[in-house]
Amino acid sequence: MDENQLAGYADKNQLPPPSERIPAIRWLKQNLFSSWFNAILTIVSTALIMTIVFGLLRWALEARWEVIPANLKLLLVGTYPVEHLWRVWAVVYLVAFLLGFSSGAHGGLMRRVSTTAALVSVVLAVLPFPWGTRGWLLGIAVAAAAGFGLGYLGKGIRWCKRLEIASWILSFPISLIFLNGVGGILPVIKGRTMWGFMLNLIGAVVGIGLSFPVGVLLALGRRSRLPAIRLVCTAYIEIIRGVPLISLLFMASIMLQLLLPASVRPDLLIRAMLTITAFSAAYMAENVRGGLQAIPQGQYEAAYAVGLNRALTTILIILPQALRIVIPAIVGQFIALFMDTTLFGFIAILELLNITRSIMGNLEWRGTIFELYVFIGIVFWILCYSMSYVSRRIEKTLGVGER
């Protein structure tokens, strides 16, 4: 046998390390009551934890949770006209259908995401909502199932994959058109300052969709051989990263209103979206630049050796490896951008967090601020954890940190 065969034989016949099962009483004595000091510390800590837990449970049982279903429409979509709420549901159905379509065509992570969304909609439909709302909620599961069926039937077909990519790209402008309107059948909805959770989602989607490509271009520009491009990109990144986001939002809401004529002045919401996109792009550029610097010089030399020019080397060889390395940092920036959308309230555009002020202004719901904040915290945690979970699954699929 050679050395490789011996190593393989040894691996196959290697016994696992012995395991010892420690009884519960013995484990407690060894870890929590090994000395008089540890015993006192364990008892005091247990009493403190139990006091906090029982206090939270008592508050949860006595809390006025009815404030959430009573103001759910205001929390989710703000002052969006009731007669046009079907537009919001149409956008939700479109996203659910595309999730189902992607899950049927690919499976894996997309199937888990679409299945979870369908199950959540079914569970919510069981809760004591009005029957009309329950029907809309069940429609999410139906849309996801329909998309899954079509995606599964078109699995492996070349044009089906192209249709999927085009549908996801077009879904963004279509959703904005539905929500804002264009006139005629879809009248334009103007004069709104209370958006609710819809604003957080739109701000996050717009910011993520625009800041990522802009950040990649800024990172490449900062490493450019052309001094002018490198200087402009470096100056932009350092200036934006040196100013708080709230200051930039105030500048966009007040200074641009004074400097630009009314005929070319963008809407306040558009200015806020562009500001948070520009702010996030600067941080995204530094994350991507860190990944580019981690690529060894041998990758460039190998690409040049097979005849690729600098542009193709960057696009086909270097950039995919760099983005793979910095997936955790990129997703972390996405989560930070989603949470930064709560700052829109400082410029009089009320999203989920700041819309609680209008609810507290109602005498009927005075003293329910903690219930509202708990609800908001749970909603934000679910969204942030979902993005983190998707990031971990992508890292595991790509083998980040393993090879």
Protein backbone atom coordinates (compact mmCIF):
# COMPACT_ATOMS: atom_id res chain seq x y z
CA MET A 1 0.00 0.00 0.00
CA ASP A 2 1.14 3.53 -0.71
CA GLU A 3 0.73 6.40 1.76
CA ASN A 4 -2.64 7.54 0.36
CA GLN A 5 -4.15 4.08 0.66
CA LEU A 6 -2.85 3.71 4.21
CA ALA A 7 -4.32 7.11 5.15
CA GLY A 8 -7.71 6.17 3.67
CA TYR A 9 -7.65 2.79 5.47
CA ALA A 10 -6.84 4.53 8.75
CA ASP A 11 -9.66 7.03 8.29
CA LYS A 12 -12.23 4.30 7.63
CA ASN A 13 -11.19 2.27 10.67
CA GLN A 14 -10.71 5.19 13.03
CA LEU A 15 -12.96 4.94 16.06
CA PRO A 16 -14.88 7.99 17.28
CA PRO A 17 -13.74 9.57 20.54
CA PRO A 18 -15.38 8.08 23.62
CA SER A 19 -18.40 9.95 24.95
CA GLU A 20 -19.45 10.15 28.57
CA ARG A 21 -22.99 10.81 29.72
CA ILE A 22 -23.01 12.80 32.93
CA PRO A 23 -26.14 12.59 35.12
CA ALA A 24 -28.02 15.85 35.61
CA ILE A 25 -27.31 16.07 39.35
CA ARG A 26 -23.61 15.46 38.78
CA TRP A 27 -23.50 18.08 36.01
CA LEU A 28 -25.19 20.65 38.26
CA LYS A 29 -22.73 19.93 41.05
CA GLN A 30 -19.71 20.22 38.75
CA ASN A 31 -20.78 23.36 36.87
CA LEU A 32 -23.13 25.35 39.12
CA PHE A 33 -22.51 24.26 42.71
CA SER A 34 -18.81 23.37 42.66
CA SER A 35 -18.06 25.84 45.48
CA TRP A 36 -19.95 28.01 47.96
CA PHE A 37 -19.35 31.10 45.83
CA ASN A 38 -20.68 29.43 42.66
CA ALA A 39 -23.70 28.14 44.62
CA ILE A 40 -24.58 31.63 45.88
CA LEU A 41 -24.03 33.11 42.39
CA THR A 42 -26.27 30.43 40.84
CA ILE A 43 -29.09 31.01 43.34
CA VAL A 44 -28.97 34.81 42.98
CA SER A 45 -28.83 34.63 39.18
CA THR A 46 -31.72 32.16 39.05
CA ALA A 47 -33.84 34.35 41.32
CA LEU A 48 -33.08 37.44 39.21
CA ILE A 49 -33.89 35.66 35.94
CA MET A 50 -37.13 34.22 37.31
CA THR A 51 -38.18 37.64 38.57
CA ILE A 52 -37.61 39.20 35.17
CA VAL A 53 -39.35 36.35 33.32
CA PHE A 54 -42.42 36.39 35.59
CA GLY A 55 -42.60 40.18 35.33
CA LEU A 56 -42.55 40.03 31.54
CA LEU A 57 -45.16 37.27 31.47
CA ARG A 58 -47.44 39.21 33.81
CA TRP A 59 -47.08 42.33 31.67
CA ALA A 60 -47.74 40.34 28.47
CA LEU A 61 -50.95 38.91 29.92
CA GLU A 62 -52.18 42.31 31.09
CA ALA A 63 -51.06 44.31 28.01
CA ARG A 64 -53.61 45.87 25.66
CA TRP A 65 -52.69 43.94 22.51
CA GLU A 66 -55.94 44.99 20.83
CA VAL A 67 -54.17 48.20 19.80
CA ILE A 68 -52.33 46.29 17.07
CA PRO A 69 -55.28 44.75 15.14
CA ALA A 70 -57.27 47.96 15.62
CA ASN A 71 -54.50 50.01 13.96
CA LEU A 72 -53.00 47.34 11.70
CA LYS A 73 -53.90 49.13 8.48
CA LEU A 74 -52.31 52.35 9.73
CA LEU A 75 -49.19 50.52 10.88
CA LEU A 76 -48.70 48.64 7.62
CA VAL A 77 -49.76 51.08 4.87
CA GLY A 78 -50.34 54.36 6.70
CA THR A 79 -52.98 56.58 5.13
CA TYR A 80 -53.12 54.66 1.86
CA PRO A 81 -56.70 55.02 0.51
CA VAL A 82 -58.88 52.07 1.46
CA GLU A 83 -60.44 51.87 -2.01
CA HIS A 84 -56.97 51.38 -3.52
CA LEU A 85 -55.66 48.75 -1.09
CA TRP A 86 -56.07 46.14 -3.84
CA ARG A 87 -52.93 47.63 -5.40
CA VAL A 88 -50.90 46.71 -2.32
CA TRP A 89 -52.30 43.18 -2.36
CA ALA A 90 -51.53 42.92 -6.09
CA VAL A 91 -47.87 43.73 -5.40
CA VAL A 92 -47.79 41.17 -2.58
CA TYR A 93 -49.31 38.54 -4.86
CA LEU A 94 -46.78 39.35 -7.57
CA VAL A 95 -43.88 38.81 -5.16
CA ALA A 96 -45.45 35.59 -3.81
CA PHE A 97 -45.96 34.29 -7.35
CA LEU A 98 -42.36 35.01 -8.31
CA LEU A 99 -41.09 33.35 -5.13
CA GLY A 100 -43.13 30.28 -5.95
CA PHE A 101 -41.95 30.33 -9.56
CA SER A 102 -38.29 30.47 -8.49
CA SER A 103 -38.81 27.73 -5.90
CA GLY A 104 -40.38 25.45 -8.47
CA ALA A 105 -37.60 26.09 -10.97
CA HIS A 106 -34.67 25.78 -8.57
CA GLY A 107 -35.77 24.39 -5.21
CA GLY A 108 -33.32 24.70 -2.31
CA LEU A 109 -33.31 28.04 -0.55
CA MET A 110 -36.02 29.62 -2.72
CA ARG A 111 -38.35 26.71 -1.95
CA ARG A 112 -37.86 27.23 1.77
CA VAL A 113 -38.51 30.95 1.48
CA SER A 114 -41.68 30.53 -0.59
CA THR A 115 -42.95 27.70 1.62
CA THR A 116 -42.39 29.80 4.73
CA ALA A 117 -44.22 32.76 3.18
CA ALA A 118 -47.18 30.54 2.24
CA LEU A 119 -47.35 28.96 5.70
CA VAL A 120 -47.18 32.36 7.40
CA SER A 121 -50.06 33.61 5.25
CA VAL A 122 -52.16 30.56 6.19
CA VAL A 123 -51.39 31.02 9.90
CA LEU A 124 -52.29 34.71 9.74
CA ALA A 125 -55.55 33.84 8.00
CA VAL A 126 -56.52 31.77 11.04
CA LEU A 127 -56.14 34.76 13.39
CA PRO A 128 -59.25 36.84 14.20
CA PHE A 129 -59.02 39.23 11.27
CA PRO A 130 -62.04 40.34 9.22
CA TRP A 131 -63.14 37.74 6.69
CA GLY A 132 -62.13 39.96 3.81
CA THR A 133 -58.59 40.25 5.17
CA ARG A 134 -58.44 36.49 5.68
CA GLY A 135 -59.33 35.97 2.04
CA TRP A 136 -56.58 38.33 0.92
CA LEU A 137 -54.08 36.50 3.17
CA LEU A 138 -55.00 33.09 1.79
CA GLY A 139 -54.47 34.51 -1.68
CA ILE A 140 -50.75 34.78 -0.91
CA ALA A 141 -50.50 31.01 -0.47
CA VAL A 142 -52.54 30.47 -3.64
CA ALA A 143 -50.27 32.80 -5.64
CA ALA A 144 -47.14 31.03 -4.32
CA ALA A 145 -48.62 27.62 -5.19
CA ALA A 146 -49.53 28.77 -8.71
CA GLY A 147 -46.03 30.13 -9.25
CA PHE A 148 -44.51 26.91 -7.94
CA GLY A 149 -46.54 24.85 -10.39
CA LEU A 150 -45.53 26.93 -13.39
CA GLY A 151 -41.90 27.02 -12.29
CA TYR A 152 -41.83 23.25 -11.80
CA LEU A 153 -43.31 22.64 -15.25
CA GLY A 154 -40.72 24.93 -16.85
CA LYS A 155 -37.79 23.50 -14.90
CA GLY A 156 -34.77 22.94 -17.12
CA ILE A 157 -36.13 24.96 -20.05
CA ARG A 158 -33.76 27.70 -21.19
CA TRP A 159 -36.37 30.37 -21.91
CA CYS A 160 -37.95 29.72 -18.51
CA LYS A 161 -34.81 30.90 -16.72
CA ARG A 162 -34.66 34.03 -18.86
CA LEU A 163 -38.34 34.70 -18.15
CA GLU A 164 -37.67 34.34 -14.43
CA ILE A 165 -34.81 36.87 -14.45
CA ALA A 166 -36.78 39.33 -16.58
CA SER A 167 -39.83 38.99 -14.30
CA TRP A 168 -37.84 39.76 -11.17
CA ILE A 169 -36.24 42.80 -12.83
CA LEU A 170 -39.56 44.13 -14.13
CA SER A 171 -41.36 43.45 -10.85
CA PHE A 172 -39.72 46.46 -9.22
CA PRO A 173 -40.95 49.18 -11.65
CA ILE A 174 -44.31 47.44 -11.95
CA SER A 175 -44.73 47.49 -8.17
CA LEU A 176 -43.87 51.19 -7.97
CA ILE A 177 -46.35 51.97 -10.75
CA PHE A 178 -49.10 50.05 -8.97
CA LEU A 179 -48.43 51.70 -5.62
CA ASN A 180 -48.01 55.26 -6.89
CA GLY A 181 -50.25 55.25 -9.96
CA VAL A 182 -49.87 56.74 -13.43
CA GLY A 183 -53.25 58.32 -14.00
CA GLY A 184 -56.37 57.02 -15.69
CA ILE A 185 -57.21 53.56 -14.40
CA LEU A 186 -54.49 53.89 -11.75
CA PRO A 187 -54.86 57.42 -10.35
CA VAL A 188 -51.79 58.96 -8.77
CA ILE A 189 -51.89 59.05 -4.97
CA LYS A 190 -50.34 62.31 -3.76
CA GLY A 191 -49.90 64.25 -0.56
CA ARG A 192 -49.10 61.32 1.71
CA THR A 193 -46.72 61.64 4.66
CA MET A 194 -47.84 58.59 6.64
CA TRP A 195 -46.62 55.45 4.91
CA GLY A 196 -46.22 52.89 7.70
CA PHE A 197 -44.28 49.69 7.20
CA MET A 198 -44.67 50.02 3.43
CA LEU A 199 -42.12 52.82 3.50
CA ASN A 200 -39.58 50.67 5.34
CA LEU A 201 -39.93 47.94 2.73
CA ILE A 202 -39.83 50.29 -0.25
CA GLY A 203 -36.85 52.16 1.19
CA ALA A 204 -34.99 48.92 1.82
CA VAL A 205 -35.72 47.47 -1.62
CA VAL A 206 -34.80 50.70 -3.44
CA GLY A 207 -31.70 51.21 -1.31
CA ILE A 208 -30.48 47.64 -1.72
CA GLY A 209 -31.29 47.48 -5.42
CA LEU A 210 -29.45 50.73 -6.22
CA SER A 211 -26.69 50.92 -3.61
CA PHE A 212 -25.21 47.53 -4.47
CA PRO A 213 -24.35 48.22 -8.15
CA VAL A 214 -23.33 51.81 -7.33
CA GLY A 215 -21.12 50.56 -4.52
CA VAL A 216 -19.44 48.03 -6.81
CA LEU A 217 -18.74 50.74 -9.39
CA LEU A 218 -17.32 53.03 -6.69
CA ALA A 219 -15.07 50.26 -5.40
CA LEU A 220 -13.78 49.56 -8.90
CA GLY A 221 -13.36 53.29 -9.52
CA ARG A 222 -11.32 53.71 -6.35
CA ARG A 223 -8.91 51.05 -7.64
CA SER A 224 -8.84 52.49 -11.16
CA ARG A 225 -5.57 53.37 -12.86
CA LEU A 226 -7.06 56.65 -14.06
CA PRO A 227 -6.22 59.33 -11.44
CA ALA A 228 -9.33 61.43 -12.12
CA ILE A 229 -11.75 58.53 -11.61
CA ARG A 230 -9.85 57.29 -8.58
CA LEU A 231 -9.83 60.76 -7.00
CA VAL A 232 -13.55 61.37 -7.57
CA CYS A 233 -14.57 57.97 -6.20
CA THR A 234 -12.28 58.27 -3.19
CA ALA A 235 -13.51 61.78 -2.39
CA TYR A 236 -17.16 60.70 -2.64
CA ILE A 237 -16.66 57.67 -0.39
CA GLU A 238 -14.71 59.54 2.28
CA ILE A 239 -17.05 62.55 2.34
CA ILE A 240 -20.24 60.49 2.57
CA ARG A 241 -18.80 58.15 5.20
CA GLY A 242 -17.73 61.14 7.27
CA VAL A 243 -21.25 62.63 7.57
CA PRO A 244 -24.12 61.14 9.63
CA LEU A 245 -27.09 59.91 7.64
CA ILE A 246 -29.49 62.14 9.55
CA SER A 247 -27.51 65.20 8.43
CA LEU A 248 -27.72 64.10 4.81
CA LEU A 249 -31.48 63.57 5.14
CA PHE A 250 -31.94 67.08 6.52
CA MET A 251 -29.84 68.49 3.69
CA ALA A 252 -31.93 66.63 1.12
CA SER A 253 -35.22 67.76 2.66
CA ILE A 254 -34.36 71.40 3.37
CA MET A 255 -31.34 72.58 1.39
CA LEU A 256 -32.32 70.99 -1.93
CA GLN A 257 -35.76 72.50 -1.53
CA LEU A 258 -34.17 75.94 -1.30
CA LEU A 259 -31.56 75.46 -4.01
CA LEU A 260 -33.59 73.76 -6.74
CA PRO A 261 -36.51 75.42 -8.58
CA ALA A 262 -39.94 73.92 -8.04
CA SER A 263 -40.15 72.71 -11.65
CA VAL A 264 -37.20 70.31 -11.26
CA ARG A 265 -37.39 69.64 -7.53
CA PRO A 266 -37.93 65.92 -6.78
CA ASP A 267 -40.55 64.80 -4.32
CA LEU A 268 -39.48 64.56 -0.67
CA LEU A 269 -39.81 60.79 -0.68
CA ILE A 270 -37.63 60.46 -3.78
CA ARG A 271 -35.01 62.72 -2.20
CA ALA A 272 -35.02 60.56 0.91
CA MET A 273 -34.63 57.38 -1.16
CA LEU A 274 -31.74 58.82 -3.15
CA THR A 275 -30.05 60.01 0.04
CA ILE A 276 -30.15 56.65 1.79
CA THR A 277 -29.00 54.98 -1.44
CA ALA A 278 -26.02 57.33 -1.77
CA PHE A 279 -25.14 56.84 1.89
CA SER A 280 -25.29 53.04 1.73
CA ALA A 281 -23.38 52.92 -1.57
CA ALA A 282 -20.33 54.55 0.06
CA TYR A 283 -20.19 51.87 2.76
CA MET A 284 -20.91 49.15 0.22
CA ALA A 285 -17.96 50.34 -1.85
CA GLU A 286 -15.57 49.84 1.07
CA ASN A 287 -16.93 46.33 1.70
CA VAL A 288 -16.43 45.39 -1.95
CA ARG A 289 -12.98 47.01 -2.01
CA GLY A 290 -11.97 44.81 0.94
CA GLY A 291 -12.96 41.75 -1.08
CA LEU A 292 -11.03 42.97 -4.12
CA GLN A 293 -7.90 43.47 -2.07
CA ALA A 294 -8.17 39.91 -0.74
CA ILE A 295 -7.76 38.40 -4.23
CA PRO A 296 -4.13 37.35 -4.78
CA GLN A 297 -2.16 38.77 -7.68
CA GLY A 298 -1.86 35.31 -9.18
CA GLN A 299 -5.51 35.43 -10.21
CA TYR A 300 -4.84 38.49 -12.36
CA GLU A 301 -1.73 36.92 -13.90
CA ALA A 302 -3.57 33.68 -14.70
CA ALA A 303 -6.38 35.60 -16.40
CA TYR A 304 -3.92 37.67 -18.43
CA ALA A 305 -2.11 34.49 -19.42
CA VAL A 306 -5.22 33.06 -21.11
CA GLY A 307 -5.77 36.27 -23.08
CA LEU A 308 -8.34 38.16 -21.00
CA ASN A 309 -8.04 41.92 -20.87
CA ARG A 310 -8.34 43.93 -17.66
CA ALA A 311 -12.09 44.53 -17.96
CA LEU A 312 -12.97 40.88 -18.61
CA THR A 313 -10.57 39.80 -15.87
CA THR A 314 -12.35 42.02 -13.38
CA ILE A 315 -15.87 41.03 -14.44
CA LEU A 316 -15.39 37.29 -14.94
CA ILE A 317 -12.59 36.35 -12.54
CA ILE A 318 -11.92 38.90 -9.81
CA LEU A 319 -15.30 40.41 -8.96
CA PRO A 320 -17.18 37.10 -8.42
CA GLN A 321 -14.49 35.92 -6.01
CA ALA A 322 -14.42 39.25 -4.18
CA LEU A 323 -18.21 39.35 -3.74
CA ARG A 324 -18.17 35.76 -2.49
CA ILE A 325 -15.69 36.69 0.21
CA VAL A 326 -17.62 39.70 1.51
CA ILE A 327 -21.13 38.22 1.53
CA PRO A 328 -21.44 38.64 5.34
CA ALA A 329 -20.37 42.29 5.16
CA ILE A 330 -22.73 43.00 2.25
CA VAL A 331 -25.73 41.45 4.00
CA GLY A 332 -24.80 43.30 7.18
CA GLN A 333 -24.92 46.54 5.21
CA PHE A 334 -28.32 45.56 3.81
CA ILE A 335 -29.64 44.99 7.33
CA ALA A 336 -28.22 48.33 8.48
CA LEU A 337 -29.88 50.05 5.51
CA PHE A 338 -33.23 48.47 6.38
CA MET A 339 -32.99 49.74 9.95
CA ASP A 340 -31.85 53.19 8.76
CA THR A 341 -35.20 53.65 7.02
CA THR A 342 -36.62 54.50 10.48
CA LEU A 343 -34.79 57.84 10.20
CA PHE A 344 -37.28 59.00 7.57
CA GLY A 345 -39.51 60.10 10.41
CA PHE A 346 -37.12 62.95 11.22
CA ILE A 347 -37.97 64.60 7.89
CA ALA A 348 -41.74 64.26 8.33
CA ILE A 349 -42.17 61.00 6.38
CA LEU A 350 -43.73 58.65 8.90
CA GLU A 351 -42.80 54.97 8.65
CA LEU A 352 -43.62 52.12 11.03
CA LEU A 353 -41.65 53.37 14.04
CA ASN A 354 -42.70 57.01 13.90
CA ILE A 355 -46.29 56.37 12.96
CA THR A 356 -46.88 55.24 16.55
CA ARG A 357 -47.02 58.95 17.49
CA SER A 358 -50.27 59.37 15.60
CA ILE A 359 -51.68 56.27 17.30
CA MET A 360 -50.66 57.56 20.72
CA GLY A 361 -52.42 60.82 19.90
CA ASN A 362 -55.70 58.92 20.10
CA LEU A 363 -56.99 59.04 23.68
CA GLU A 364 -58.28 55.50 23.35
CA TRP A 365 -54.76 54.11 22.96
CA ARG A 366 -52.89 56.19 25.51
CA GLY A 367 -50.40 54.07 27.49
CA THR A 368 -49.95 51.38 24.81
CA ILE A 369 -46.51 52.52 23.65
CA PHE A 370 -44.79 49.39 24.94
CA GLU A 371 -47.19 47.09 23.10
CA LEU A 372 -46.55 48.97 19.87
CA TYR A 373 -42.79 48.91 20.33
CA VAL A 374 -42.82 45.17 21.02
CA PHE A 375 -44.79 44.61 17.81
CA ILE A 376 -42.38 46.81 15.84
CA GLY A 377 -39.37 45.05 17.35
CA ILE A 378 -40.75 41.63 16.39
CA VAL A 379 -41.44 42.77 12.81
CA PHE A 380 -37.94 44.20 12.37
CA TRP A 381 -36.34 41.16 13.99
CA ILE A 382 -38.16 38.78 11.64
CA LEU A 383 -37.04 40.70 8.55
CA CYS A 384 -33.44 41.11 9.74
CA TYR A 385 -33.17 37.47 10.80
CA SER A 386 -34.58 36.37 7.44
CA MET A 387 -31.88 38.30 5.59
CA SER A 388 -29.24 36.86 7.90
CA TYR A 389 -30.59 33.33 7.37
CA VAL A 390 -30.56 33.72 3.59
CA SER A 391 -26.99 35.01 3.83
CA ARG A 392 -25.87 31.98 5.83
CA ARG A 393 -27.51 29.60 3.37
CA ILE A 394 -25.80 31.32 0.43
CA GLU A 395 -22.46 31.16 2.25
CA LYS A 396 -22.94 27.46 2.92
CA THR A 397 -23.88 26.80 -0.70
CA LEU A 398 -20.84 28.68 -1.99
CA GLY A 399 -18.55 27.19 0.66
CA VAL A 400 -17.46 30.53 2.10
CA GLY A 401 -14.81 29.91 4.75
CA GLU A 402 -14.53 26.21 3.85
CA ARG A 403 -12.47 26.19 0.70
